[in-house]
């Protein structure tokens, strides 16, 4: 079902090395096509978006941007129990993200007032996939942090939005909806069209075309990152339940055939027990074909022998989701520097993080947790440094500033200081 690699073997080192570079996405393969799509949207706006939607999705929407009354009426069609569940999840997500708000600061030092102003961006685009599955939860996990940050204009881009997705948008604070997906949706958000005003930031996961488009428009707008396939790494000691471990692995494997379900155990016996549990649970899984392909092609288990090596492997893989099903998960986490989200203990399913625990489930994938963070309020703000000198302060620092300017050969810099020296 999946390969089991024992510590100390060449296969163990090779598999770990390969997985540590799993984030090297082949964006170059689709880049020419994505550049063509973005160029068309930049030049022809709405017409290009509609033409490309017809080409790729075999449908032609009546408009790119949905009228406010239309999408809100569709949102109202979501069943009451769905709206209630989405509302409960949104409230938990909102409460968590309130803790991330930054007030900025100001202080004075020797006649110099220094500080930092924090303001929300004026407009954010949130992308929600609409291919193999629908994810109202992704709308909540992107739009709620933007709303908490105070972003006044939040634009959802998603193809063929359902009442459930639109209900999530309304609950989360989305202000506009465009019926478009793929690279053409990213182009519309980045460049703007006749009916879609450009945004300042684009966030949210998508397929390889969406990822490539986000990378290409970065610099015109900001982006949250380049998302790859979903992944989970479970570290299980011998007391962990094989059935629970298998369930968590499958919760990610069912997302996509390219998803990674990775396991670290202390013993081969535990690895084999989890493998047997996987086979049993796959038998009646509705998305069996997807999960089975993911496990067959991408799953792997590392038998490490001790928790010290388990921490080293977990840190090297820097997984999107890290589940620590060990006796003392907090102690083990202290030795793991990189992970998107850590799920601590046997009673913490990764699925809770996907829906209603509180933190955004938009997380770094492919090892990017080494250098980037989960989506949060901080992604939707800009910071401005504040500097104000009093006359006596510039007089005190003039010699220092002028000497540094002249050290770099920038005489105009030095003169801009000296002209402010007190006269007489």
Protein backbone atom coordinates (compact mmCIF):
# COMPACT_ATOMS: atom_id res chain seq x y z
CA UNK A 1 0.00 0.00 0.00
CA UNK A 2 2.85 2.41 0.83
CA UNK A 3 6.61 2.03 1.04
CA UNK A 4 8.09 1.50 4.52
CA UNK A 5 11.66 2.77 4.90
CA UNK A 6 13.83 1.64 7.81
CA UNK A 7 16.36 4.01 9.30
CA UNK A 8 19.92 3.24 8.30
CA UNK A 9 19.11 2.05 4.78
CA UNK A 10 19.90 3.77 1.50
CA UNK A 11 16.22 3.71 0.58
CA UNK A 12 15.40 5.68 3.75
CA UNK A 13 17.87 8.45 2.90
CA UNK A 14 16.84 8.57 -0.77
CA UNK A 15 13.12 8.76 0.02
CA UNK A 16 13.62 11.44 2.67
CA UNK A 17 15.82 13.48 0.34
CA UNK A 18 13.29 13.27 -2.49
CA UNK A 19 10.38 14.26 -0.28
CA UNK A 20 12.30 17.19 1.14
CA UNK A 21 12.26 18.62 -2.42
CA UNK A 22 8.63 17.78 -3.21
CA UNK A 23 7.83 21.50 -3.46
CA UNK A 24 9.86 21.94 -6.65
CA UNK A 25 6.68 22.31 -8.71
CA UNK A 26 6.91 22.03 -12.47
CA UNK A 27 5.40 25.46 -13.10
CA UNK A 28 7.64 25.96 -16.12
CA UNK A 29 5.66 23.27 -17.92
CA UNK A 30 2.49 25.38 -17.92
CA UNK A 31 4.06 28.84 -17.91
CA UNK A 32 3.79 29.51 -21.68
CA UNK A 33 0.06 28.74 -21.63
CA UNK A 34 -0.48 30.80 -18.49
CA UNK A 35 1.39 33.78 -19.94
CA UNK A 36 -0.90 33.64 -22.98
CA UNK A 37 -3.98 33.60 -20.75
CA UNK A 38 -2.76 36.52 -18.64
CA UNK A 39 -1.85 38.53 -21.74
CA UNK A 40 -5.33 37.99 -23.17
CA UNK A 41 -7.02 39.11 -19.95
CA UNK A 42 -4.77 42.16 -19.67
CA UNK A 43 -5.54 43.20 -23.25
CA UNK A 44 -9.19 42.19 -23.63
CA UNK A 45 -10.53 42.13 -20.08
CA UNK A 46 -14.00 40.65 -19.57
CA UNK A 47 -14.25 39.34 -23.14
CA UNK A 48 -11.08 37.31 -22.65
CA UNK A 49 -12.27 35.93 -19.31
CA UNK A 50 -15.57 34.84 -20.86
CA UNK A 51 -13.87 33.34 -23.94
CA UNK A 52 -11.38 31.43 -21.81
CA UNK A 53 -14.11 30.16 -19.50
CA UNK A 54 -15.99 28.87 -22.54
CA UNK A 55 -12.81 27.25 -23.86
CA UNK A 56 -11.80 25.51 -20.64
CA UNK A 57 -15.14 24.88 -18.94
CA UNK A 58 -17.52 24.50 -21.92
CA UNK A 59 -19.82 27.20 -20.56
CA UNK A 60 -20.16 30.95 -21.06
CA UNK A 61 -21.37 32.94 -18.04
CA UNK A 62 -23.65 35.87 -18.71
CA UNK A 63 -21.18 38.12 -16.88
CA UNK A 64 -17.85 37.90 -15.10
CA UNK A 65 -18.87 39.90 -12.04
CA UNK A 66 -22.11 38.75 -10.46
CA UNK A 67 -24.55 41.53 -9.52
CA UNK A 68 -24.73 41.92 -5.77
CA UNK A 69 -28.43 41.11 -5.56
CA UNK A 70 -27.99 38.01 -7.72
CA UNK A 71 -25.25 36.33 -5.73
CA UNK A 72 -26.82 37.19 -2.39
CA UNK A 73 -30.13 35.71 -3.58
CA UNK A 74 -28.30 32.53 -4.54
CA UNK A 75 -26.59 32.48 -1.15
CA UNK A 76 -30.01 32.57 0.51
CA UNK A 77 -30.85 29.24 -1.19
CA UNK A 78 -28.33 27.37 0.96
CA UNK A 79 -30.14 25.15 3.48
CA UNK A 80 -30.57 26.62 6.94
CA UNK A 81 -28.46 23.91 8.55
CA UNK A 82 -25.61 24.67 6.13
CA UNK A 83 -25.74 28.38 6.92
CA UNK A 84 -25.80 27.59 10.62
CA UNK A 85 -22.71 25.35 10.34
CA UNK A 86 -20.85 27.91 8.23
CA UNK A 87 -21.77 30.66 10.68
CA UNK A 88 -20.49 28.66 13.65
CA UNK A 89 -17.22 27.93 11.87
CA UNK A 90 -16.83 31.55 10.78
CA UNK A 91 -17.28 32.77 14.34
CA UNK A 92 -14.52 30.47 15.62
CA UNK A 93 -12.22 31.57 12.79
CA UNK A 94 -13.00 35.22 13.51
CA UNK A 95 -12.25 34.88 17.24
CA UNK A 96 -8.89 33.27 16.54
CA UNK A 97 -7.85 35.91 14.05
CA UNK A 98 -8.80 38.78 16.34
CA UNK A 99 -5.68 37.83 18.32
CA UNK A 100 -3.53 38.52 15.25
CA UNK A 101 -4.46 42.18 14.82
CA UNK A 102 -1.54 44.59 15.15
CA UNK A 103 -2.10 48.03 16.71
CA UNK A 104 1.16 49.55 15.52
CA UNK A 105 3.35 51.52 17.91
CA UNK A 106 4.94 54.92 18.57
CA UNK A 107 7.78 55.86 20.92
CA UNK A 108 10.18 58.77 21.39
CA UNK A 109 13.93 58.65 21.78
CA UNK A 110 16.20 61.68 22.14
CA UNK A 111 13.84 64.02 20.32
CA UNK A 112 12.99 61.54 17.56
CA UNK A 113 9.49 60.11 17.32
CA UNK A 114 9.48 56.65 15.75
CA UNK A 115 6.70 54.23 15.08
CA UNK A 116 4.84 51.91 12.78
CA UNK A 117 1.39 52.41 11.29
CA UNK A 118 -0.61 49.33 10.33
CA UNK A 119 -3.44 49.68 7.81
CA UNK A 120 -5.42 47.10 5.81
CA UNK A 121 -4.95 46.84 2.07
CA UNK A 122 -7.76 48.47 0.12
CA UNK A 123 -8.82 45.35 -1.79
CA UNK A 124 -8.11 41.62 -1.56
CA UNK A 125 -8.97 38.81 -3.95
CA UNK A 126 -9.69 35.39 -2.45
CA UNK A 127 -9.64 32.39 -4.75
CA UNK A 128 -11.70 29.26 -4.09
CA UNK A 129 -11.20 26.21 -6.32
CA UNK A 130 -14.16 24.76 -8.17
CA UNK A 131 -12.81 21.69 -9.92
CA UNK A 132 -12.88 18.25 -8.29
CA UNK A 133 -14.63 19.46 -5.13
CA UNK A 134 -16.32 22.51 -3.61
CA UNK A 135 -14.77 24.13 -0.59
CA UNK A 136 -16.98 26.67 1.22
CA UNK A 137 -14.50 26.27 4.07
CA UNK A 138 -11.75 27.80 1.92
CA UNK A 139 -13.90 30.89 1.46
CA UNK A 140 -14.19 31.24 5.24
CA UNK A 141 -10.49 30.58 5.79
CA UNK A 142 -9.42 33.31 3.37
CA UNK A 143 -12.13 35.95 3.63
CA UNK A 144 -12.58 35.98 7.41
CA UNK A 145 -8.93 36.95 8.12
CA UNK A 146 -9.24 39.68 5.49
CA UNK A 147 -12.42 40.93 7.12
CA UNK A 148 -10.83 40.93 10.59
CA UNK A 149 -7.91 42.90 9.14
CA UNK A 150 -10.41 45.55 8.05
CA UNK A 151 -10.11 45.11 4.27
CA UNK A 152 -13.02 47.15 2.87
CA UNK A 153 -13.28 45.30 -0.44
CA UNK A 154 -13.04 41.49 -0.58
CA UNK A 155 -13.53 39.84 -3.98
CA UNK A 156 -14.22 36.12 -4.27
CA UNK A 157 -13.18 34.43 -7.52
CA UNK A 158 -14.60 30.96 -8.05
CA UNK A 159 -16.08 29.12 -11.04
CA UNK A 160 -19.76 28.15 -10.99
CA UNK A 161 -20.37 29.28 -7.39
CA UNK A 162 -22.94 27.18 -5.55
CA UNK A 163 -25.38 28.48 -2.92
CA UNK A 164 -23.17 26.93 -0.22
CA UNK A 165 -20.05 28.72 -1.47
CA UNK A 166 -21.95 32.00 -1.80
CA UNK A 167 -23.43 31.61 1.68
CA UNK A 168 -19.89 31.19 3.03
CA UNK A 169 -18.89 34.33 1.11
CA UNK A 170 -21.73 36.38 2.58
CA UNK A 171 -21.04 35.15 6.13
CA UNK A 172 -17.30 35.80 5.78
CA UNK A 173 -17.67 39.41 4.63
CA UNK A 174 -17.08 39.09 0.88
CA UNK A 175 -18.24 42.19 -0.96
CA UNK A 176 -18.00 41.06 -4.62
CA UNK A 177 -18.08 37.75 -6.50
CA UNK A 178 -16.71 36.90 -9.92
CA UNK A 179 -17.75 33.73 -11.71
CA UNK A 180 -14.35 32.69 -13.03
CA UNK A 181 -11.61 30.27 -12.18
CA UNK A 182 -8.15 29.30 -13.31
CA UNK A 183 -5.44 31.64 -14.54
CA UNK A 184 -8.02 33.93 -16.15
CA UNK A 185 -9.54 34.68 -12.73
CA UNK A 186 -6.12 35.55 -11.34
CA UNK A 187 -5.56 37.84 -14.32
CA UNK A 188 -8.86 39.63 -13.78
CA UNK A 189 -8.04 40.22 -10.11
CA UNK A 190 -4.50 41.40 -10.84
CA UNK A 191 -5.08 43.61 -13.89
CA UNK A 192 -8.71 44.56 -13.52
CA UNK A 193 -11.36 44.53 -16.26
CA UNK A 194 -14.33 46.70 -17.15
CA UNK A 195 -16.44 45.02 -14.43
CA UNK A 196 -13.74 43.87 -12.01
CA UNK A 197 -11.57 46.44 -10.28
CA UNK A 198 -8.03 45.27 -9.59
CA UNK A 199 -7.06 44.17 -6.10
CA UNK A 200 -3.91 44.65 -4.03
CA UNK A 201 -3.48 41.08 -2.79
CA UNK A 202 -4.52 37.63 -4.06
CA UNK A 203 -4.76 34.66 -1.71
CA UNK A 204 -6.06 31.13 -1.76
CA UNK A 205 -5.14 27.70 -3.15
CA UNK A 206 -5.65 26.42 -6.69
CA UNK A 207 -4.31 24.08 -9.33
CA UNK A 208 -0.95 24.37 -11.09
CA UNK A 209 -2.34 26.98 -13.54
CA UNK A 210 -3.58 29.14 -10.68
CA UNK A 211 -0.26 28.74 -8.85
CA UNK A 212 1.70 29.70 -11.95
CA UNK A 213 -0.55 32.71 -12.62
CA UNK A 214 -0.10 33.94 -9.06
CA UNK A 215 3.65 33.71 -9.40
CA UNK A 216 3.60 35.64 -12.68
CA UNK A 217 1.43 38.51 -11.38
CA UNK A 218 3.44 38.88 -8.17
CA UNK A 219 4.88 42.39 -8.20
CA UNK A 220 1.77 43.78 -9.84
CA UNK A 221 -0.10 42.55 -6.79
CA UNK A 222 1.01 40.74 -3.67
CA UNK A 223 0.23 37.04 -3.16
CA UNK A 224 0.14 34.74 -0.16
CA UNK A 225 2.34 32.04 -1.69
CA UNK A 226 2.46 29.21 -4.22
CA UNK A 227 0.26 26.35 -3.04
CA UNK A 228 0.98 22.76 -3.97
CA UNK A 229 -0.85 19.50 -3.24
CA UNK A 230 -2.22 18.98 0.26
CA UNK A 231 -0.09 16.97 2.69
CA UNK A 232 0.01 15.51 6.17
CA UNK A 233 2.80 14.05 8.25
CA UNK A 234 1.74 11.91 11.20
CA UNK A 235 4.33 11.06 13.84
CA UNK A 236 2.98 8.08 15.80
CA UNK A 237 4.56 6.31 18.74
CA UNK A 238 3.66 2.71 19.57
CA UNK A 239 0.77 3.81 21.83
CA UNK A 240 -1.03 5.62 18.99
CA UNK A 241 -4.11 3.96 17.51
CA UNK A 242 -3.38 2.60 14.00
CA UNK A 243 -7.02 3.20 13.06
CA UNK A 244 -6.87 6.85 14.10
CA UNK A 245 -3.55 7.37 12.33
CA UNK A 246 -4.91 5.79 9.15
CA UNK A 247 -8.03 7.97 9.30
CA UNK A 248 -5.89 11.12 9.50
CA UNK A 249 -3.72 10.01 6.59
CA UNK A 250 -6.79 9.34 4.43
CA UNK A 251 -8.32 12.71 5.35
CA UNK A 252 -5.61 14.30 3.23
CA UNK A 253 -5.23 11.54 0.63
CA UNK A 254 -8.87 11.96 -0.44
CA UNK A 255 -8.24 15.59 -1.44
CA UNK A 256 -6.28 14.84 -4.58
CA UNK A 257 -4.32 12.09 -6.33
CA UNK A 258 -1.22 14.26 -5.87
CA UNK A 259 -1.67 14.66 -2.09
CA UNK A 260 1.01 13.39 0.29
CA UNK A 261 0.10 11.13 3.23
CA UNK A 262 3.34 10.67 5.17
CA UNK A 263 4.00 8.70 8.33
CA UNK A 264 6.79 8.43 10.89
CA UNK A 265 6.71 5.54 13.37
CA UNK A 266 9.09 4.26 16.01
CA UNK A 267 8.65 0.63 14.97
CA UNK A 268 7.96 -1.43 11.87
CA UNK A 269 5.13 -3.19 13.71
CA UNK A 270 3.27 0.11 14.08
CA UNK A 271 3.93 0.96 10.42
CA UNK A 272 2.45 -2.35 9.30
CA UNK A 273 -0.54 -1.94 11.63
CA UNK A 274 -1.30 1.47 10.11
CA UNK A 275 -0.94 0.03 6.61
CA UNK A 276 -3.50 -2.68 7.41
CA UNK A 277 -5.88 -0.07 8.87
CA UNK A 278 -5.53 2.02 5.69
CA UNK A 279 -6.56 -0.90 3.53
CA UNK A 280 -9.61 -1.58 5.71
CA UNK A 281 -10.74 2.05 5.71
CA UNK A 282 -10.22 2.51 1.99
CA UNK A 283 -12.66 -0.29 1.21
CA UNK A 284 -15.80 1.83 1.73
CA UNK A 285 -14.42 5.34 1.28
CA UNK A 286 -16.60 7.32 -1.20
CA UNK A 287 -13.51 8.93 -2.75
CA UNK A 288 -11.60 5.65 -2.72
CA UNK A 289 -10.14 6.01 -6.21
CA UNK A 290 -8.62 9.41 -5.39
CA UNK A 291 -7.29 8.39 -1.97
CA UNK A 292 -5.96 5.08 -3.26
CA UNK A 293 -4.01 6.79 -6.03
CA UNK A 294 -2.57 9.29 -3.56
CA UNK A 295 -1.46 6.56 -1.15
CA UNK A 296 -0.09 4.35 -3.91
CA UNK A 297 1.91 7.09 -5.64
CA UNK A 298 2.94 9.48 -2.87
CA UNK A 299 2.58 7.94 0.60
CA UNK A 300 5.63 6.85 2.55
CA UNK A 301 6.50 5.69 6.05
CA UNK A 302 9.79 6.23 7.86
CA UNK A 303 10.60 3.87 10.75
CA UNK A 304 12.91 6.04 12.85
CA UNK A 305 13.48 4.15 16.07
CA UNK A 306 13.37 7.12 18.44
CA UNK A 307 11.74 10.51 18.90
CA UNK A 308 14.94 12.45 18.27
CA UNK A 309 15.10 11.11 14.72
CA UNK A 310 11.33 11.60 14.38
CA UNK A 311 11.81 15.31 15.10
CA UNK A 312 14.68 15.53 12.61
CA UNK A 313 12.58 13.94 9.86
CA UNK A 314 9.57 16.13 10.65
CA UNK A 315 11.72 19.26 10.54
CA UNK A 316 13.31 18.21 7.25
CA UNK A 317 9.89 17.63 5.64
CA UNK A 318 8.36 20.88 7.01
CA UNK A 319 4.88 19.54 6.38
CA UNK A 320 1.73 21.56 5.80
CA UNK A 321 -0.08 19.53 8.49
CA UNK A 322 1.93 17.90 11.27
CA UNK A 323 0.05 15.49 13.54
CA UNK A 324 1.96 14.44 16.66
CA UNK A 325 0.27 11.35 18.06
CA UNK A 326 2.78 10.70 20.80
CA UNK A 327 2.69 10.68 24.60
CA UNK A 328 4.11 14.21 24.99
CA UNK A 329 3.39 16.10 21.75
CA UNK A 330 4.28 19.56 23.05
CA UNK A 331 7.73 18.34 24.11
CA UNK A 332 8.34 16.80 20.68
CA UNK A 333 7.15 19.94 18.89
CA UNK A 334 9.90 21.94 20.63
CA UNK A 335 12.38 20.04 18.44
CA UNK A 336 10.50 20.60 15.16
CA UNK A 337 11.24 24.03 13.73
CA UNK A 338 9.08 23.98 10.60
CA UNK A 339 5.42 23.04 10.18
CA UNK A 340 2.38 24.82 8.78
CA UNK A 341 0.00 23.72 11.52
CA UNK A 342 0.67 21.30 14.38
CA UNK A 343 -2.09 19.00 15.64
CA UNK A 344 -1.16 17.87 19.11
CA UNK A 345 -2.33 14.62 20.67
CA UNK A 346 -4.57 11.71 19.77
CA UNK A 347 -7.82 13.67 20.05
CA UNK A 348 -6.91 16.43 17.58
CA UNK A 349 -7.92 15.47 14.03
CA UNK A 350 -6.42 17.44 11.17
CA UNK A 351 -10.00 17.78 9.89
CA UNK A 352 -10.73 20.12 12.82
CA UNK A 353 -8.16 22.51 11.40
CA UNK A 354 -9.75 22.26 7.98
CA UNK A 355 -13.10 23.46 9.20
CA UNK A 356 -13.63 25.06 12.57
CA UNK A 357 -10.71 24.96 15.00
CA UNK A 358 -9.91 28.62 14.28
CA UNK A 359 -6.60 29.08 12.42
CA UNK A 360 -6.79 29.43 8.64
CA UNK A 361 -6.32 26.18 6.79
CA UNK A 362 -4.43 28.00 4.03
CA UNK A 363 -0.96 26.75 4.90
CA UNK A 364 2.47 26.50 3.28
CA UNK A 365 2.98 23.28 1.32
CA UNK A 366 5.90 21.48 -0.26
CA UNK A 367 8.32 22.34 2.55
CA UNK A 368 7.61 26.09 2.34
CA UNK A 369 6.90 26.10 6.09
CA UNK A 370 10.67 26.53 6.38
CA UNK A 371 10.28 30.19 5.38
CA UNK A 372 6.62 31.19 5.35
CA UNK A 373 3.57 31.05 7.59
CA UNK A 374 -0.14 30.20 7.59
CA UNK A 375 -2.48 32.78 6.08
CA UNK A 376 -3.47 35.35 8.67
CA UNK A 377 -4.54 38.91 9.39
CA UNK A 378 -0.93 40.00 8.87
CA UNK A 379 -1.23 39.04 5.19
CA UNK A 380 -3.86 41.72 4.60
CA UNK A 381 -2.12 44.75 6.07
CA UNK A 382 0.63 47.14 5.03
CA UNK A 383 3.02 48.73 7.50
CA UNK A 384 4.38 52.26 7.28
CA UNK A 385 7.44 53.38 9.25
CA UNK A 386 6.96 56.71 11.04
CA UNK A 387 9.87 59.11 11.66
CA UNK A 388 9.79 62.68 13.02
CA UNK A 389 12.84 64.66 14.17
CA UNK A 390 12.71 67.65 16.47
CA UNK A 391 15.19 70.49 15.70
CA UNK A 392 17.48 69.57 18.59
CA UNK A 393 17.51 65.92 17.49
CA UNK A 394 18.67 66.63 13.94
CA UNK A 395 21.34 68.96 15.37
CA UNK A 396 22.63 66.15 17.60
CA UNK A 397 22.73 63.59 14.78
CA UNK A 398 23.94 65.85 11.96
CA UNK A 399 27.62 64.89 12.25
CA UNK A 400 26.77 61.17 12.25
CA UNK A 401 24.37 61.41 9.30
CA UNK A 402 26.66 63.56 7.19
CA UNK A 403 29.69 61.33 7.80
CA UNK A 404 27.76 58.21 6.78
CA UNK A 405 26.43 59.93 3.64
CA UNK A 406 29.93 61.05 2.61
CA UNK A 407 31.29 57.58 3.38
CA UNK A 408 29.01 56.33 0.60
CA UNK A 409 29.86 59.22 -1.73
CA UNK A 410 26.38 60.75 -1.57
CA UNK A 411 27.01 64.47 -1.05
CA UNK A 412 23.41 65.50 -1.70
CA UNK A 413 22.34 63.26 1.18
CA UNK A 414 24.85 65.01 3.46
CA UNK A 415 23.69 68.47 2.32
CA UNK A 416 20.04 67.53 2.96
CA UNK A 417 21.08 67.09 6.60
CA UNK A 418 23.40 70.07 6.92
CA UNK A 419 20.82 72.49 5.50
CA UNK A 420 18.70 71.66 8.56
CA UNK A 421 21.42 72.50 11.09
CA UNK A 422 20.51 75.40 13.38
CA UNK A 423 21.69 78.72 11.96
CA UNK A 424 24.05 80.98 13.90
